Protein backbone atom coordinates (compact mmCIF):
# COMPACT_ATOMS: atom_id res chain seq x y z
CA MET A 1 -44.80 -1.18 15.91
CA SER A 2 -43.52 -3.89 18.20
CA LEU A 3 -39.95 -4.45 19.25
CA VAL A 4 -39.73 -7.48 16.97
CA GLU A 5 -40.67 -5.34 13.98
CA ALA A 6 -38.28 -2.56 14.99
CA TYR A 7 -35.32 -4.88 15.61
CA PRO A 8 -33.80 -4.69 12.07
CA TRP A 9 -34.08 -0.90 12.09
CA LEU A 10 -32.54 -0.60 15.55
CA ARG A 11 -29.79 -3.02 14.57
CA SER A 12 -28.81 -0.86 11.59
CA LEU A 13 -28.80 2.25 13.80
CA TRP A 14 -26.52 0.46 16.27
CA THR A 15 -24.09 -0.32 13.44
CA LEU A 16 -24.24 3.30 12.25
CA TRP A 17 -23.61 4.57 15.80
CA PHE A 18 -20.48 2.44 16.21
CA PHE A 19 -19.19 3.45 12.78
CA LEU A 20 -19.64 7.15 13.57
CA LEU A 21 -18.00 6.68 16.97
CA PHE A 22 -15.04 4.92 15.35
CA VAL A 23 -14.61 7.64 12.71
CA GLY A 24 -14.89 10.33 15.40
CA ILE A 25 -12.16 8.76 17.50
CA ILE A 26 -9.88 8.38 14.48
CA VAL A 27 -10.41 12.03 13.50
CA TRP A 28 -9.76 13.15 17.09
CA VAL A 29 -6.52 11.16 17.31
CA MET A 30 -5.21 12.15 13.88
CA TRP A 31 -6.10 15.85 14.13
CA PRO A 32 -2.96 17.87 13.13
CA GLY A 33 -2.99 20.02 16.28
CA ARG A 34 -2.62 16.97 18.51
CA ARG A 35 0.60 15.71 16.93
CA SER A 36 2.89 17.37 19.48
CA ALA A 37 0.91 15.92 22.38
CA TRP A 38 1.02 12.39 20.90
CA ASP A 39 4.77 12.73 20.19
CA LYS A 40 5.34 13.81 23.79
CA LEU A 41 3.29 10.87 25.12
CA GLY A 42 5.10 8.49 22.77
CA ARG A 43 8.48 9.44 24.23
CA ILE A 44 7.49 8.64 27.83
CA PRO A 45 8.87 5.05 27.78
CA LEU A 46 12.22 6.34 26.49
CA GLN A 47 12.72 8.89 29.27
CA GLU A 48 14.67 7.98 32.35
CA ASP A 49 12.84 8.27 35.62
CA ASP A 50 15.00 10.29 38.03
CA ALA A 51 12.44 9.98 40.85
CA GLN A 52 13.07 6.24 41.25
CA PRO A 53 16.29 5.18 42.97
CA GLN A 54 18.62 3.05 40.88
CA MET A 55 18.61 -0.61 41.89
CA ARG A 56 21.98 -2.26 41.95
CA HIS A 57 22.67 -5.94 41.99
CA ARG A 58 25.04 -7.08 44.70
CA ASN A 59 26.83 -10.37 44.28
């Protein structure tokens, strides 16, 4: 079997691999036990950063 003959088979496996990878990532992200971690990460932009000094505009 040459590479030219195997190309359609390998191409379908490549598509299957990406589909399984996509489904795996979606399952990992949406897993119920991870909700608190994603909620915590989602609130990061809304938290004030006390480590940075406040910049004031002087006119």
